[in-house]
Amino acid sequence: MELRPLMVRAVEASNAVVRGIGPDMMDRATPCPEFDVRALLGHLSGWMTEPARAAALKRPNTGAPDEDFAPEPGWAERLTERTRATAEAWSEPAAWEGTASLSGEMEMPAGTIGGLVFAEFLLHGWDLAMATGQEFAPDDDLAEALFDQVSSMADMGRRYGAFGPEVPVPASASPVERALGLAGRDPAWRP
């Protein structure tokens, strides 16, 4: 499934969760053991906005990874605007051509980075939803595309520490649950 036309929808699914996070939720645990809600928002605000947009536009990375995230008034609106701009950049056909880099150092096929950005927004949308007691229900196309993308990159994700060990899920699991298991997340995780 082509991810380019799904990028904005993927980000909006994550943004719906971000808008539901209150300032009293920042210290909650997430399914990512190294991140509480505040740190995971910093990860999205850092790696998944400026560097990801720069990669799509084939420009040098000017953003800082994993920003020190402080929920100041209007933070959710600012973050959702930044992630939407990233998704719009990845919605352009040229973003998926040639090579690109998130870090400014290691070049990869642009499609690999675009797939990573797509999966990160949806996986972290689920992480944040679980941590903050919200529902996360991407539409069927997003769910299938997430499973396909995570399936194609799970081994690489584990090798580079982005994913944990695979979590077995039942054969009857939904595409999102199967993607979560491949990405090292327990679909039954709750705080």
Protein backbone atom coordinates (compact mmCIF):
# COMPACT_ATOMS: atom_id res chain seq x y z
CA MET A 1 0.00 0.00 0.00
CA GLU A 2 1.34 3.42 -0.91
CA LEU A 3 1.97 5.46 2.24
CA ARG A 4 2.29 8.91 0.69
CA PRO A 5 -1.46 9.61 0.48
CA LEU A 6 -1.94 8.30 4.03
CA MET A 7 0.60 10.52 5.79
CA VAL A 8 -1.77 13.32 6.79
CA ARG A 9 -4.38 10.84 8.05
CA ALA A 10 -1.72 9.03 10.10
CA VAL A 11 -0.59 12.26 11.71
CA GLU A 12 -4.16 13.38 12.36
CA ALA A 13 -4.86 10.08 14.14
CA SER A 14 -1.90 10.82 16.40
CA ASN A 15 -2.82 14.50 16.75
CA ALA A 16 -6.30 13.58 17.99
CA VAL A 17 -4.60 11.84 20.92
CA VAL A 18 -2.15 14.71 21.53
CA ARG A 19 -5.05 17.16 21.81
CA GLY A 20 -6.55 14.96 24.56
CA ILE A 21 -3.48 15.09 26.80
CA GLY A 22 -3.82 17.28 29.86
CA PRO A 23 -0.95 18.90 31.77
CA ASP A 24 -1.57 16.51 34.67
CA MET A 25 -0.72 13.52 32.42
CA MET A 26 2.90 14.42 31.57
CA ASP A 27 4.54 12.11 34.11
CA ARG A 28 2.55 9.01 33.21
CA ALA A 29 4.35 5.88 32.04
CA THR A 30 4.05 4.85 28.39
CA PRO A 31 4.54 1.49 26.67
CA CYS A 32 8.02 2.77 25.75
CA PRO A 33 9.96 2.13 28.98
CA GLU A 34 12.45 4.94 28.33
CA PHE A 35 9.72 7.58 27.82
CA ASP A 36 7.05 9.03 30.06
CA VAL A 37 4.37 11.11 28.29
CA ARG A 38 6.47 14.30 28.47
CA ALA A 39 9.54 12.59 26.99
CA LEU A 40 7.51 10.90 24.26
CA LEU A 41 5.99 14.25 23.29
CA GLY A 42 9.55 15.62 23.21
CA HIS A 43 10.50 12.77 20.87
CA LEU A 44 7.60 13.59 18.56
CA SER A 45 8.31 17.30 18.77
CA GLY A 46 12.02 16.79 18.08
CA TRP A 47 12.72 13.88 15.76
CA MET A 48 9.33 13.68 14.09
CA THR A 49 8.87 17.31 13.08
CA GLU A 50 11.86 19.34 11.92
CA PRO A 51 14.24 16.48 10.97
CA ALA A 52 11.43 14.48 9.36
CA ARG A 53 10.22 17.48 7.39
CA ALA A 54 13.80 18.29 6.36
CA ALA A 55 14.22 14.72 5.12
CA ALA A 56 11.05 14.98 3.03
CA LEU A 57 12.19 18.28 1.53
CA LYS A 58 15.77 17.01 1.05
CA ARG A 59 17.11 19.86 3.18
CA PRO A 60 19.72 19.79 5.94
CA ASN A 61 18.34 18.80 9.33
CA THR A 62 18.04 21.86 11.56
CA GLY A 63 15.90 20.38 14.35
CA ALA A 64 17.03 19.00 17.67
CA PRO A 65 16.27 15.37 18.49
CA ASP A 66 14.13 14.65 21.54
CA GLU A 67 13.41 18.18 22.64
CA ASP A 68 13.02 19.04 26.30
CA PHE A 69 9.26 19.27 26.13
CA ALA A 70 7.47 21.73 28.39
CA PRO A 71 3.69 21.95 28.14
CA GLU A 72 3.28 25.70 27.94
CA PRO A 73 -0.08 27.23 26.97
CA GLY A 74 -0.95 26.31 23.39
CA TRP A 75 1.61 23.46 23.25
CA ALA A 76 -0.81 20.93 21.71
CA GLU A 77 -1.79 23.28 18.90
CA ARG A 78 1.85 24.10 18.14
CA LEU A 79 2.85 20.43 18.13
CA THR A 80 -0.07 19.38 15.93
CA GLU A 81 0.73 22.18 13.47
CA ARG A 82 4.35 21.00 13.28
CA THR A 83 3.42 17.36 12.79
CA ARG A 84 0.83 18.30 10.16
CA ALA A 85 3.48 20.28 8.25
CA THR A 86 5.72 17.21 8.39
CA ALA A 87 2.92 15.01 7.04
CA GLU A 88 2.19 17.49 4.26
CA ALA A 89 5.86 17.48 3.23
CA TRP A 90 5.78 13.66 3.10
CA SER A 91 2.59 13.80 1.03
CA GLU A 92 4.52 15.16 -1.94
CA PRO A 93 5.69 12.56 -4.49
CA ALA A 94 9.23 14.00 -4.61
CA ALA A 95 9.68 13.28 -0.90
CA TRP A 96 9.73 9.55 -1.65
CA GLU A 97 12.38 9.76 -4.39
CA GLY A 98 16.13 9.38 -4.00
CA THR A 99 17.75 9.42 -0.60
CA ALA A 100 17.22 11.43 2.56
CA SER A 101 18.47 11.64 6.14
CA LEU A 102 16.85 12.24 9.50
CA SER A 103 20.14 12.94 11.23
CA GLY A 104 21.98 14.78 8.49
CA GLU A 105 24.60 12.03 8.53
CA MET A 106 23.34 8.65 7.32
CA GLU A 107 21.55 8.70 3.96
CA MET A 108 18.87 6.08 3.31
CA PRO A 109 16.31 5.55 0.58
CA ALA A 110 13.70 8.26 1.06
CA GLY A 111 10.95 5.61 1.06
CA THR A 112 12.56 3.93 4.07
CA ILE A 113 12.54 7.18 6.02
CA GLY A 114 9.00 7.99 4.92
CA GLY A 115 7.85 4.56 6.10
CA LEU A 116 9.60 5.09 9.42
CA VAL A 117 7.92 8.47 9.88
CA PHE A 118 4.51 6.97 9.05
CA ALA A 119 4.94 4.10 11.52
CA GLU A 120 6.39 6.30 14.27
CA PHE A 121 3.42 8.65 14.25
CA LEU A 122 0.91 5.81 14.49
CA LEU A 123 2.84 3.70 16.99
CA HIS A 124 3.51 6.67 19.23
CA GLY A 125 -0.10 7.77 18.84
CA TRP A 126 -1.07 4.41 20.30
CA ASP A 127 1.58 4.72 23.03
CA LEU A 128 0.23 8.12 24.08
CA ALA A 129 -3.39 6.96 23.91
CA MET A 130 -2.70 4.02 26.21
CA ALA A 131 -0.71 6.14 28.64
CA THR A 132 -3.45 8.75 28.88
CA GLY A 133 -6.53 6.51 28.83
CA GLN A 134 -7.69 7.48 25.35
CA GLU A 135 -8.98 5.39 22.48
CA PHE A 136 -6.78 4.91 19.43
CA ALA A 137 -8.64 3.60 16.42
CA PRO A 138 -7.00 4.38 13.08
CA ASP A 139 -9.19 3.61 10.09
CA ASP A 140 -8.85 0.30 8.24
CA ASP A 141 -6.49 1.65 5.56
CA LEU A 142 -4.16 3.12 8.18
CA ALA A 143 -4.27 -0.09 10.23
CA GLU A 144 -3.38 -2.28 7.24
CA ALA A 145 -0.66 0.10 6.08
CA LEU A 146 0.80 0.22 9.59
CA PHE A 147 0.96 -3.57 9.75
CA ASP A 148 2.54 -3.77 6.29
CA GLN A 149 5.10 -1.09 7.16
CA VAL A 150 6.05 -2.51 10.55
CA SER A 151 6.28 -6.01 9.03
CA SER A 152 8.77 -4.73 6.47
CA MET A 153 10.98 -2.94 9.01
CA ALA A 154 10.61 -4.98 12.22
CA ASP A 155 13.98 -6.74 11.96
CA MET A 156 15.79 -3.48 11.21
CA GLY A 157 13.89 -1.75 14.02
CA ARG A 158 15.00 -4.38 16.51
CA ARG A 159 18.59 -4.31 15.23
CA TYR A 160 18.82 -0.54 15.80
CA GLY A 161 16.95 -0.57 19.11
CA ALA A 162 13.84 1.25 17.86
CA PHE A 163 11.68 -1.82 18.54
CA GLY A 164 11.78 -4.25 21.42
CA PRO A 165 11.59 -8.02 21.14
CA GLU A 166 8.51 -9.23 19.28
CA VAL A 167 5.46 -9.72 21.50
CA PRO A 168 3.35 -12.70 20.40
CA VAL A 169 -0.27 -11.85 19.61
CA PRO A 170 -3.19 -14.20 18.85
CA ALA A 171 -3.88 -15.18 15.26
CA SER A 172 -7.19 -13.32 15.56
CA ALA A 173 -5.43 -10.04 16.44
CA SER A 174 -6.29 -6.91 14.48
CA PRO A 175 -3.75 -5.40 12.06
CA VAL A 176 -2.90 -2.72 14.64
CA GLU A 177 -2.36 -5.35 17.37
CA ARG A 178 -0.16 -7.41 15.03
CA ALA A 179 1.88 -4.30 14.17
CA LEU A 180 2.22 -3.48 17.87
CA GLY A 181 3.48 -6.99 18.63
CA LEU A 182 6.02 -6.81 15.80
CA ALA A 183 7.19 -3.44 17.15
CA GLY A 184 7.77 -4.95 20.60
CA ARG A 185 4.63 -3.61 22.22
CA ASP A 186 2.06 -5.60 24.16
CA PRO A 187 -1.37 -4.63 22.76
CA ALA A 188 -2.83 -5.32 26.23
CA TRP A 189 -0.46 -2.81 27.92
CA ARG A 190 -2.15 -0.43 30.34
CA PRO A 191 -0.56 1.85 32.96
